[in-house]
Amino acid sequence: MKVTLLITQPPESPVAAKALDFARALLRQGHEIPRLFFFADGVNNALASAPLAIQWQTLMEQERLAITVCSGSAGARDLSANDCLLPIAGMGDWLTATLESDKLVTF
């Protein structure tokens, strides 16, 4: 099954940690994650100072996942590519992934 993940919760939320656990569980069970997208306050998970940022980056590199930060949400919070450990992209990437997925799960 293909599952796109949308993370909207800030890094201090326990829900953000649950999203990371959920992504790992999906992959262990053989599911695909076409895109994991940080949106709204969720973009703060990509900041180098965020508690789970290194773990998200490691997951992206080890599993070759497409993990991106919403450019609009990053811009609204004055974040640049230099602030984030993960790539910044537009909503088009997220939309394409949702069209190619069987499910969308939002955290």
PDB file of N, CA and C in Angstrom:
ATOM      1  N   MET A   1       0.845  -1.164   0.000  1.00  0.00           N
ATOM      2  CA  MET A   1       0.000   0.000   0.000  1.00  0.00           C
ATOM      3  C   MET A   1       0.898   1.238   0.000  1.00  0.00           C
ATOM      4  N   LYS A   2       0.474   2.260  -0.714  1.00  0.00           N
ATOM      5  CA  LYS A   2       1.182   3.538  -0.751  1.00  0.00           C
ATOM      6  C   LYS A   2       0.467   4.527   0.160  1.00  0.00           C
ATOM      7  N   VAL A   3       1.230   5.090   1.114  1.00  0.00           N
ATOM      8  CA  VAL A   3       0.663   5.998   2.102  1.00  0.00           C
ATOM      9  C   VAL A   3       1.464   7.294   2.106  1.00  0.00           C
ATOM     10  N   THR A   4       0.803   8.400   1.827  1.00  0.00           N
ATOM     11  CA  THR A   4       1.427   9.716   1.942  1.00  0.00           C
ATOM     12  C   THR A   4       1.151  10.242   3.340  1.00  0.00           C
ATOM     13  N   LEU A   5       2.180  10.827   3.952  1.00  0.00           N
ATOM     14  CA  LEU A   5       2.037  11.366   5.303  1.00  0.00           C
ATOM     15  C   LEU A   5       2.125  12.886   5.261  1.00  0.00           C
ATOM     16  N   LEU A   6       1.226  13.525   5.977  1.00  0.00           N
ATOM     17  CA  LEU A   6       1.193  14.980   6.108  1.00  0.00           C
ATOM     18  C   LEU A   6       1.372  15.307   7.586  1.00  0.00           C
ATOM     19  N   ILE A   7       2.474  15.978   7.917  1.00  0.00           N
ATOM     20  CA  ILE A   7       2.777  16.310   9.306  1.00  0.00           C
ATOM     21  C   ILE A   7       2.503  17.792   9.510  1.00  0.00           C
ATOM     22  N   THR A   8       1.522  18.095  10.358  1.00  0.00           N
ATOM     23  CA  THR A   8       1.149  19.484  10.616  1.00  0.00           C
ATOM     24  C   THR A   8       1.475  19.922  12.044  1.00  0.00           C
ATOM     25  N   GLN A   9       1.842  18.980  12.891  1.00  0.00           N
ATOM     26  CA  GLN A   9       2.084  19.276  14.307  1.00  0.00           C
ATOM     27  C   GLN A   9       3.516  19.748  14.536  1.00  0.00           C
ATOM     28  N   PRO A  10       3.711  20.684  15.460  1.00  0.00           N
ATOM     29  CA  PRO A  10       5.052  21.188  15.764  1.00  0.00           C
ATOM     30  C   PRO A  10       5.891  20.121  16.475  1.00  0.00           C
ATOM     31  N   PRO A  11       7.212  20.304  16.483  1.00  0.00           N
ATOM     32  CA  PRO A  11       8.084  19.282  17.063  1.00  0.00           C
ATOM     33  C   PRO A  11       7.862  19.021  18.545  1.00  0.00           C
ATOM     34  N   GLU A  12       7.349  20.001  19.279  1.00  0.00           N
ATOM     35  CA  GLU A  12       7.125  19.772  20.713  1.00  0.00           C
ATOM     36  C   GLU A  12       5.864  18.951  20.985  1.00  0.00           C
ATOM     37  N   SER A  13       5.070  18.709  19.969  1.00  0.00           N
ATOM     38  CA  SER A  13       3.867  17.903  20.119  1.00  0.00           C
ATOM     39  C   SER A  13       4.222  16.416  20.133  1.00  0.00           C
ATOM     40  N   PRO A  14       3.625  15.644  21.040  1.00  0.00           N
ATOM     41  CA  PRO A  14       3.866  14.193  21.025  1.00  0.00           C
ATOM     42  C   PRO A  14       3.388  13.544  19.723  1.00  0.00           C
ATOM     43  N   VAL A  15       2.500  14.208  19.031  1.00  0.00           N
ATOM     44  CA  VAL A  15       1.990  13.676  17.769  1.00  0.00           C
ATOM     45  C   VAL A  15       3.101  13.615  16.714  1.00  0.00           C
ATOM     46  N   ALA A  16       4.029  14.556  16.755  1.00  0.00           N
ATOM     47  CA  ALA A  16       5.140  14.556  15.793  1.00  0.00           C
ATOM     48  C   ALA A  16       6.002  13.303  15.969  1.00  0.00           C
ATOM     49  N   ALA A  17       6.253  12.921  17.200  1.00  0.00           N
ATOM     50  CA  ALA A  17       7.016  11.697  17.467  1.00  0.00           C
ATOM     51  C   ALA A  17       6.239  10.466  17.020  1.00  0.00           C
ATOM     52  N   LYS A  18       4.919  10.491  17.202  1.00  0.00           N
ATOM     53  CA  LYS A  18       4.080   9.372  16.756  1.00  0.00           C
ATOM     54  C   LYS A  18       4.140   9.231  15.234  1.00  0.00           C
ATOM     55  N   ALA A  19       4.224  10.351  14.537  1.00  0.00           N
ATOM     56  CA  ALA A  19       4.319  10.311  13.072  1.00  0.00           C
ATOM     57  C   ALA A  19       5.594   9.604  12.633  1.00  0.00           C
ATOM     58  N   LEU A  20       6.696   9.882  13.310  1.00  0.00           N
ATOM     59  CA  LEU A  20       7.964   9.217  12.988  1.00  0.00           C
ATOM     60  C   LEU A  20       7.849   7.721  13.251  1.00  0.00           C
ATOM     61  N   ASP A  21       7.280   7.341  14.379  1.00  0.00           N
ATOM     62  CA  ASP A  21       7.077   5.918  14.695  1.00  0.00           C
ATOM     63  C   ASP A  21       6.180   5.252  13.656  1.00  0.00           C
ATOM     64  N   PHE A  22       5.138   5.948  13.243  1.00  0.00           N
ATOM     65  CA  PHE A  22       4.204   5.410  12.255  1.00  0.00           C
ATOM     66  C   PHE A  22       4.902   5.199  10.914  1.00  0.00           C
ATOM     67  N   ALA A  23       5.712   6.163  10.501  1.00  0.00           N
ATOM     68  CA  ALA A  23       6.444   6.038   9.232  1.00  0.00           C
ATOM     69  C   ALA A  23       7.375   4.823   9.270  1.00  0.00           C
ATOM     70  N   ARG A  24       8.078   4.659  10.363  1.00  0.00           N
ATOM     71  CA  ARG A  24       8.973   3.499  10.494  1.00  0.00           C
ATOM     72  C   ARG A  24       8.188   2.190  10.458  1.00  0.00           C
ATOM     73  N   ALA A  25       7.043   2.153  11.137  1.00  0.00           N
ATOM     74  CA  ALA A  25       6.218   0.937  11.157  1.00  0.00           C
ATOM     75  C   ALA A  25       5.693   0.607   9.762  1.00  0.00           C
ATOM     76  N   LEU A  26       5.260   1.622   9.034  1.00  0.00           N
ATOM     77  CA  LEU A  26       4.799   1.389   7.656  1.00  0.00           C
ATOM     78  C   LEU A  26       5.887   0.736   6.813  1.00  0.00           C
ATOM     79  N   LEU A  27       7.081   1.287   6.900  1.00  0.00           N
ATOM     80  CA  LEU A  27       8.193   0.773   6.104  1.00  0.00           C
ATOM     81  C   LEU A  27       8.572  -0.646   6.523  1.00  0.00           C
ATOM     82  N   ARG A  28       8.560  -0.917   7.825  1.00  0.00           N
ATOM     83  CA  ARG A  28       8.868  -2.276   8.301  1.00  0.00           C
ATOM     84  C   ARG A  28       7.865  -3.293   7.765  1.00  0.00           C
ATOM     85  N   GLN A  29       6.614  -2.856   7.610  1.00  0.00           N
ATOM     86  CA  GLN A  29       5.563  -3.756   7.130  1.00  0.00           C
ATOM     87  C   GLN A  29       5.527  -3.842   5.610  1.00  0.00           C
ATOM     88  N   GLY A  30       6.450  -3.172   4.935  1.00  0.00           N
ATOM     89  CA  GLY A  30       6.555  -3.281   3.484  1.00  0.00           C
ATOM     90  C   GLY A  30       5.725  -2.288   2.685  1.00  0.00           C
ATOM     91  N   HIS A  31       5.139  -1.313   3.348  1.00  0.00           N
ATOM     92  CA  HIS A  31       4.367  -0.287   2.643  1.00  0.00           C
ATOM     93  C   HIS A  31       5.301   0.770   2.060  1.00  0.00           C
ATOM     94  N   GLU A  32       4.809   1.514   1.105  1.00  0.00           N
ATOM     95  CA  GLU A  32       5.576   2.593   0.488  1.00  0.00           C
ATOM     96  C   GLU A  32       5.079   3.942   1.013  1.00  0.00           C
ATOM     97  N   ILE A  33       5.997   4.876   1.109  1.00  0.00           N
ATOM     98  CA  ILE A  33       5.653   6.256   1.447  1.00  0.00           C
ATOM     99  C   ILE A  33       6.139   7.115   0.277  1.00  0.00           C
ATOM    100  N   PRO A  34       5.235   7.425  -0.677  1.00  0.00           N
ATOM    101  CA  PRO A  34       5.650   8.224  -1.832  1.00  0.00           C
ATOM    102  C   PRO A  34       6.141   9.620  -1.447  1.00  0.00           C
ATOM    103  N   ARG A  35       5.583  10.185  -0.382  1.00  0.00           N
ATOM    104  CA  ARG A  35       6.002  11.517   0.051  1.00  0.00           C
ATOM    105  C   ARG A  35       5.592  11.701   1.502  1.00  0.00           C
ATOM    106  N   LEU A  36       6.479  12.311   2.248  1.00  0.00           N
ATOM    107  CA  LEU A  36       6.187  12.743   3.603  1.00  0.00           C
ATOM    108  C   LEU A  36       6.362  14.252   3.557  1.00  0.00           C
ATOM    109  N   PHE A  37       5.316  14.980   3.907  1.00  0.00           N
ATOM    110  CA  PHE A  37       5.282  16.423   3.695  1.00  0.00           C
ATOM    111  C   PHE A  37       5.020  17.141   5.007  1.00  0.00           C
ATOM    112  N   PHE A  38       5.912  18.056   5.362  1.00  0.00           N
ATOM    113  CA  PHE A  38       5.728  18.892   6.539  1.00  0.00           C
ATOM    114  C   PHE A  38       5.009  20.161   6.127  1.00  0.00           C
ATOM    115  N   PHE A  39       3.914  20.468   6.825  1.00  0.00           N
ATOM    116  CA  PHE A  39       3.047  21.582   6.468  1.00  0.00           C
ATOM    117  C   PHE A  39       2.650  22.347   7.731  1.00  0.00           C
ATOM    118  N   ALA A  40       2.303  23.614   7.585  1.00  0.00           N
ATOM    119  CA  ALA A  40       1.878  24.469   8.709  1.00  0.00           C
ATOM    120  C   ALA A  40       2.955  24.435   9.794  1.00  0.00           C
ATOM    121  N   ASP A  41       2.563  24.267  11.063  1.00  0.00           N
ATOM    122  CA  ASP A  41       3.556  24.238  12.142  1.00  0.00           C
ATOM    123  C   ASP A  41       4.474  23.018  12.065  1.00  0.00           C
ATOM    124  N   GLY A  42       4.088  22.045  11.289  1.00  0.00           N
ATOM    125  CA  GLY A  42       4.923  20.855  11.106  1.00  0.00           C
ATOM    126  C   GLY A  42       6.267  21.145  10.460  1.00  0.00           C
ATOM    127  N   VAL A  43       6.384  22.264   9.730  1.00  0.00           N
ATOM    128  CA  VAL A  43       7.667  22.585   9.089  1.00  0.00           C
ATOM    129  C   VAL A  43       8.777  22.765  10.119  1.00  0.00           C
ATOM    130  N   ASN A  44       8.416  23.113  11.336  1.00  0.00           N
ATOM    131  CA  ASN A  44       9.431  23.301  12.379  1.00  0.00           C
ATOM    132  C   ASN A  44      10.135  22.002  12.755  1.00  0.00           C
ATOM    133  N   ASN A  45       9.578  20.858  12.370  1.00  0.00           N
ATOM    134  CA  ASN A  45      10.236  19.572  12.592  1.00  0.00           C
ATOM    135  C   ASN A  45      11.509  19.441  11.783  1.00  0.00           C
ATOM    136  N   ALA A  46      11.654  20.229  10.738  1.00  0.00           N
ATOM    137  CA  ALA A  46      12.823  20.154   9.866  1.00  0.00           C
ATOM    138  C   ALA A  46      13.967  21.051  10.318  1.00  0.00           C
ATOM    139  N   LEU A  47      13.728  21.871  11.325  1.00  0.00           N
ATOM    140  CA  LEU A  47      14.783  22.749  11.830  1.00  0.00           C
ATOM    141  C   LEU A  47      15.860  21.930  12.530  1.00  0.00           C
ATOM    142  N   ALA A  48      17.106  22.336  12.350  1.00  0.00           N
ATOM    143  CA  ALA A  48      18.217  21.607  12.976  1.00  0.00           C
ATOM    144  C   ALA A  48      18.053  21.522  14.489  1.00  0.00           C
ATOM    145  N   SER A  49      17.397  22.503  15.086  1.00  0.00           N
ATOM    146  CA  SER A  49      17.205  22.523  16.541  1.00  0.00           C
ATOM    147  C   SER A  49      16.030  21.663  17.009  1.00  0.00           C
ATOM    148  N   ALA A  50      15.235  21.158  16.089  1.00  0.00           N
ATOM    149  CA  ALA A  50      14.069  20.345  16.464  1.00  0.00           C
ATOM    150  C   ALA A  50      14.526  18.984  16.994  1.00  0.00           C
ATOM    151  N   PRO A  51      13.833  18.476  18.020  1.00  0.00           N
ATOM    152  CA  PRO A  51      14.259  17.230  18.660  1.00  0.00           C
ATOM    153  C   PRO A  51      14.378  16.027  17.718  1.00  0.00           C
ATOM    154  N   LEU A  52      13.509  15.927  16.737  1.00  0.00           N
ATOM    155  CA  LEU A  52      13.501  14.741  15.865  1.00  0.00           C
ATOM    156  C   LEU A  52      14.069  15.006  14.474  1.00  0.00           C
ATOM    157  N   ALA A  53      14.578  16.189  14.221  1.00  0.00           N
ATOM    158  CA  ALA A  53      15.024  16.553  12.867  1.00  0.00           C
ATOM    159  C   ALA A  53      16.077  15.593  12.325  1.00  0.00           C
ATOM    160  N   ILE A  54      17.050  15.237  13.131  1.00  0.00           N
ATOM    161  CA  ILE A  54      18.108  14.319  12.691  1.00  0.00           C
ATOM    162  C   ILE A  54      17.510  12.950  12.379  1.00  0.00           C
ATOM    163  N   GLN A  55      16.544  12.521  13.174  1.00  0.00           N
ATOM    164  CA  GLN A  55      15.918  11.222  12.921  1.00  0.00           C
ATOM    165  C   GLN A  55      15.127  11.231  11.613  1.00  0.00           C
ATOM    166  N   TRP A  56      14.421  12.342  11.331  1.00  0.00           N
ATOM    167  CA  TRP A  56      13.710  12.460  10.054  1.00  0.00           C
ATOM    168  C   TRP A  56      14.712  12.431   8.897  1.00  0.00           C
ATOM    169  N   GLN A  57      15.799  13.178   9.042  1.00  0.00           N
ATOM    170  CA  GLN A  57      16.806  13.232   7.991  1.00  0.00           C
ATOM    171  C   GLN A  57      17.427  11.848   7.763  1.00  0.00           C
ATOM    172  N   THR A  58      17.724  11.140   8.840  1.00  0.00           N
ATOM    173  CA  THR A  58      18.297   9.798   8.740  1.00  0.00           C
ATOM    174  C   THR A  58      17.322   8.848   8.055  1.00  0.00           C
ATOM    175  N   LEU A  59      16.050   8.915   8.432  1.00  0.00           N
ATOM    176  CA  LEU A  59      15.036   8.081   7.797  1.00  0.00           C
ATOM    177  C   LEU A  59      14.968   8.367   6.301  1.00  0.00           C
ATOM    178  N   MET A  60      15.002   9.633   5.944  1.00  0.00           N
ATOM    179  CA  MET A  60      14.955  10.027   4.533  1.00  0.00           C
ATOM    180  C   MET A  60      16.133   9.432   3.766  1.00  0.00           C
ATOM    181  N   GLU A  61      17.322   9.533   4.334  1.00  0.00           N
ATOM    182  CA  GLU A  61      18.522   9.050   3.650  1.00  0.00           C
ATOM    183  C   GLU A  61      18.585   7.530   3.598  1.00  0.00           C
ATOM    184  N   GLN A  62      18.291   6.860   4.706  1.00  0.00           N
ATOM    185  CA  GLN A  62      18.380   5.402   4.758  1.00  0.00           C
ATOM    186  C   GLN A  62      17.335   4.723   3.888  1.00  0.00           C
ATOM    187  N   GLU A  63      16.127   5.267   3.887  1.00  0.00           N
ATOM    188  CA  GLU A  63      15.019   4.643   3.161  1.00  0.00           C
ATOM    189  C   GLU A  63      14.793   5.271   1.781  1.00  0.00           C
ATOM    190  N   ARG A  64      15.588   6.287   1.473  1.00  0.00           N
ATOM    191  CA  ARG A  64      15.453   7.024   0.206  1.00  0.00           C
ATOM    192  C   ARG A  64      14.029   7.554   0.031  1.00  0.00           C
ATOM    193  N   LEU A  65      13.530   8.168   1.112  1.00  0.00           N
ATOM    194  CA  LEU A  65      12.180   8.726   1.101  1.00  0.00           C
ATOM    195  C   LEU A  65      12.188  10.141   0.564  1.00  0.00           C
ATOM    196  N   ALA A  66      11.089  10.500  -0.055  1.00  0.00           N
ATOM    197  CA  ALA A  66      10.872  11.879  -0.472  1.00  0.00           C
ATOM    198  C   ALA A  66      10.208  12.597   0.700  1.00  0.00           C
ATOM    199  N   ILE A  67      11.012  13.332   1.454  1.00  0.00           N
ATOM    200  CA  ILE A  67      10.497  14.110   2.572  1.00  0.00           C
ATOM    201  C   ILE A  67      10.737  15.573   2.245  1.00  0.00           C
ATOM    202  N   THR A  68       9.677  16.369   2.286  1.00  0.00           N
ATOM    203  CA  THR A  68       9.831  17.776   1.953  1.00  0.00           C
ATOM    204  C   THR A  68       9.077  18.673   2.927  1.00  0.00           C
ATOM    205  N   VAL A  69       9.518  19.911   2.940  1.00  0.00           N
ATOM    206  CA  VAL A  69       8.944  20.960   3.773  1.00  0.00           C
ATOM    207  C   VAL A  69       8.183  21.901   2.850  1.00  0.00           C
ATOM    208  N   CYS A  70       6.962  22.244   3.202  1.00  0.00           N
ATOM    209  CA  CYS A  70       6.141  23.138   2.388  1.00  0.00           C
ATOM    210  C   CYS A  70       6.798  24.516   2.278  1.00  0.00           C
ATOM    211  N   SER A  71       7.007  24.967   1.068  1.00  0.00           N
ATOM    212  CA  SER A  71       7.661  26.263   0.845  1.00  0.00           C
ATOM    213  C   SER A  71       6.809  27.415   1.374  1.00  0.00           C
ATOM    214  N   GLY A  72       5.501  27.343   1.209  1.00  0.00           N
ATOM    215  CA  GLY A  72       4.620  28.399   1.699  1.00  0.00           C
ATOM    216  C   GLY A  72       4.630  28.490   3.215  1.00  0.00           C
ATOM    217  N   SER A  73       4.558  27.336   3.878  1.00  0.00           N
ATOM    218  CA  SER A  73       4.586  27.315   5.347  1.00  0.00           C
ATOM    219  C   SER A  73       5.948  27.759   5.869  1.00  0.00           C
ATOM    220  N   ALA A  74       7.006  27.346   5.188  1.00  0.00           N
ATOM    221  CA  ALA A  74       8.351  27.766   5.600  1.00  0.00           C
ATOM    222  C   ALA A  74       8.498  29.273   5.441  1.00  0.00           C
ATOM    223  N   GLY A  75       8.025  29.801   4.326  1.00  0.00           N
ATOM    224  CA  GLY A  75       8.112  31.242   4.087  1.00  0.00           C
ATOM    225  C   GLY A  75       7.321  32.045   5.104  1.00  0.00           C
ATOM    226  N   ALA A  76       6.165  31.536   5.480  1.00  0.00           N
ATOM    227  CA  ALA A  76       5.336  32.233   6.465  1.00  0.00           C
ATOM    228  C   ALA A  76       5.994  32.269   7.841  1.00  0.00           C
ATOM    229  N   ARG A  77       6.928  31.353   8.076  1.00  0.00           N
ATOM    230  CA  ARG A  77       7.637  31.297   9.355  1.00  0.00           C
ATOM    231  C   ARG A  77       9.074  31.795   9.224  1.00  0.00           C
ATOM    232  N   ASP A  78       9.370  32.448   8.113  1.00  0.00           N
ATOM    233  CA  ASP A  78      10.704  33.003   7.829  1.00  0.00           C
ATOM    234  C   ASP A  78      11.803  31.951   7.877  1.00  0.00           C
ATOM    235  N   LEU A  79      11.503  30.749   7.413  1.00  0.00           N
ATOM    236  CA  LEU A  79      12.504  29.683   7.339  1.00  0.00           C
ATOM    237  C   LEU A  79      13.042  29.611   5.920  1.00  0.00           C
ATOM    238  N   SER A  80      14.321  29.378   5.797  1.00  0.00           N
ATOM    239  CA  SER A  80      14.933  29.217   4.479  1.00  0.00           C
ATOM    240  C   SER A  80      15.546  27.824   4.391  1.00  0.00           C
ATOM    241  N   ALA A  81      16.073  27.498   3.230  1.00  0.00           N
ATOM    242  CA  ALA A  81      16.730  26.203   3.043  1.00  0.00           C
ATOM    243  C   ALA A  81      17.907  26.054   3.997  1.00  0.00           C
ATOM    244  N   ASN A  82      18.533  27.165   4.375  1.00  0.00           N
ATOM    245  CA  ASN A  82      19.656  27.116   5.320  1.00  0.00           C
ATOM    246  C   ASN A  82      19.207  26.745   6.726  1.00  0.00           C
ATOM    247  N   ASP A  83      17.936  26.984   7.055  1.00  0.00           N
ATOM    248  CA  ASP A  83      17.416  26.685   8.388  1.00  0.00           C
ATOM    249  C   ASP A  83      16.982  25.228   8.531  1.00  0.00           C
ATOM    250  N   CYS A  84      16.681  24.584   7.418  1.00  0.00           N
ATOM    251  CA  CYS A  84      16.062  23.259   7.436  1.00  0.00           C
ATOM    252  C   CYS A  84      17.052  22.157   7.060  1.00  0.00           C
ATOM    253  N   LEU A  85      16.906  21.019   7.706  1.00  0.00           N
ATOM    254  CA  LEU A  85      17.709  19.847   7.356  1.00  0.00           C
ATOM    255  C   LEU A  85      17.095  19.068   6.207  1.00  0.00           C
ATOM    256  N   LEU A  86      15.867  19.397   5.856  1.00  0.00           N
ATOM    257  CA  LEU A  86      15.139  18.675   4.809  1.00  0.00           C
ATOM    258  C   LEU A  86      14.834  19.632   3.666  1.00  0.00           C
ATOM    259  N   PRO A  87      14.666  19.108   2.457  1.00  0.00           N
ATOM    260  CA  PRO A  87      14.412  19.979   1.300  1.00  0.00           C
ATOM    261  C   PRO A  87      13.054  20.682   1.366  1.00  0.00           C
ATOM    262  N   ILE A  88      13.009  21.861   0.784  1.00  0.00           N
ATOM    263  CA  ILE A  88      11.786  22.659   0.711  1.00  0.00           C
ATOM    264  C   ILE A  88      11.200  22.514  -0.690  1.00  0.00           C
ATOM    265  N   ALA A  89       9.893  22.299  -0.756  1.00  0.00           N
ATOM    266  CA  ALA A  89       9.212  22.132  -2.052  1.00  0.00           C
ATOM    267  C   ALA A  89       7.804  22.698  -1.955  1.00  0.00           C
ATOM    268  N   GLY A  90       7.156  22.795  -3.082  1.00  0.00           N
ATOM    269  CA  GLY A  90       5.807  23.337  -3.135  1.00  0.00           C
ATOM    270  C   GLY A  90       4.738  22.292  -2.909  1.00  0.00           C
ATOM    271  N   MET A  91       3.521  22.769  -2.785  1.00  0.00           N
ATOM    272  CA  MET A  91       2.356  21.904  -2.558  1.00  0.00           C
ATOM    273  C   MET A  91       2.110  20.962  -3.729  1.00  0.00           C
ATOM    274  N   GLY A  92       2.615  21.301  -4.896  1.00  0.00           N
ATOM    275  CA  GLY A  92       2.445  20.426  -6.057  1.00  0.00           C
ATOM    276  C   GLY A  92       3.032  19.047  -5.822  1.00  0.00           C
ATOM    277  N   ASP A  93       4.176  18.985  -5.136  1.00  0.00           N
ATOM    278  CA  ASP A  93       4.786  17.690  -4.819  1.00  0.00           C
ATOM    279  C   ASP A  93       3.881  16.869  -3.917  1.00  0.00           C
ATOM    280  N   TRP A  94       3.273  17.543  -2.946  1.00  0.00           N
ATOM    281  CA  TRP A  94       2.366  16.845  -2.036  1.00  0.00           C
ATOM    282  C   TRP A  94       1.122  16.371  -2.789  1.00  0.00           C
ATOM    283  N   LEU A  95       0.575  17.234  -3.624  1.00  0.00           N
ATOM    284  CA  LEU A  95      -0.631  16.880  -4.371  1.00  0.00           C
ATOM    285  C   LEU A  95      -0.384  15.682  -5.278  1.00  0.00           C
ATOM    286  N   THR A  96       0.732  15.684  -5.971  1.00  0.00           N
ATOM    287  CA  THR A  96       1.077  14.565  -6.849  1.00  0.00           C
ATOM    288  C   THR A  96       1.163  13.271  -6.046  1.00  0.00           C
ATOM    289  N   ALA A  97       1.810  13.337  -4.895  1.00  0.00           N
ATOM    290  CA  ALA A  97       1.943  12.141  -4.058  1.00  0.00           C
ATOM    291  C   ALA A  97       0.594  11.624  -3.593  1.00  0.00           C
ATOM    292  N   THR A  98      -0.324  12.529  -3.241  1.00  0.00           N
ATOM    293  CA  THR A  98      -1.641  12.077  -2.781  1.00  0.00           C
ATOM    294  C   THR A  98      -2.408  11.397  -3.913  1.00  0.00           C
ATOM    295  N   LEU A  99      -2.213  11.874  -5.119  1.00  0.00           N
ATOM    296  CA  LEU A  99      -2.888  11.252  -6.261  1.00  0.00           C
ATOM    297  C   LEU A  99      -2.340   9.856  -6.552  1.00  0.00           C
ATOM    298  N   GLU A 100      -1.086   9.637  -6.225  1.00  0.00           N
ATOM    299  CA  GLU A 100      -0.432   8.341  -6.477  1.00  0.00           C
ATOM    300  C   GLU A 100      -0.562   7.382  -5.293  1.00  0.00           C
ATOM    301  N   SER A 101      -1.158   7.848  -4.198  1.00  0.00           N
ATOM    302  CA  SER A 101      -1.227   7.044  -2.976  1.00  0.00           C
ATOM    303  C   SER A 101      -2.591   6.401  -2.805  1.00  0.00           C
ATOM    304  N   ASP A 102      -2.585   5.348  -1.996  1.00  0.00           N
ATOM    305  CA  ASP A 102      -3.832   4.700  -1.619  1.00  0.00           C
ATOM    306  C   ASP A 102      -4.471   5.393  -0.424  1.00  0.00           C
ATOM    307  N   LYS A 103      -3.636   5.986   0.425  1.00  0.00           N
ATOM    308  CA  LYS A 103      -4.131   6.646   1.638  1.00  0.00           C
ATOM    309  C   LYS A 103      -3.297   7.890   1.932  1.00  0.00           C
ATOM    310  N   LEU A 104      -3.942   8.834   2.607  1.00  0.00           N
ATOM    311  CA  LEU A 104      -3.278  10.008   3.160  1.00  0.00           C
ATOM    312  C   LEU A 104      -3.512   9.984   4.652  1.00  0.00           C
ATOM    313  N   VAL A 105      -2.445  10.046   5.434  1.00  0.00           N
ATOM    314  CA  VAL A 105      -2.557  10.076   6.883  1.00  0.00           C
ATOM    315  C   VAL A 105      -1.969  11.388   7.365  1.00  0.00           C
ATOM    316  N   THR A 106      -2.741  12.101   8.175  1.00  0.00           N
ATOM    317  CA  THR A 106      -2.331  13.420   8.683  1.00  0.00           C
ATOM    318  C   THR A 106      -2.060  13.335  10.171  1.00  0.00           C
ATOM    319  N   PHE A 107      -0.948  13.928  10.566  1.00  0.00           N
ATOM    320  CA  PHE A 107      -0.581  14.015  11.981  1.00  0.00           C
ATOM    321  C   PHE A 107      -0.522  15.470  12.382  1.00  0.00           C
TER     322      PHE A 107
END
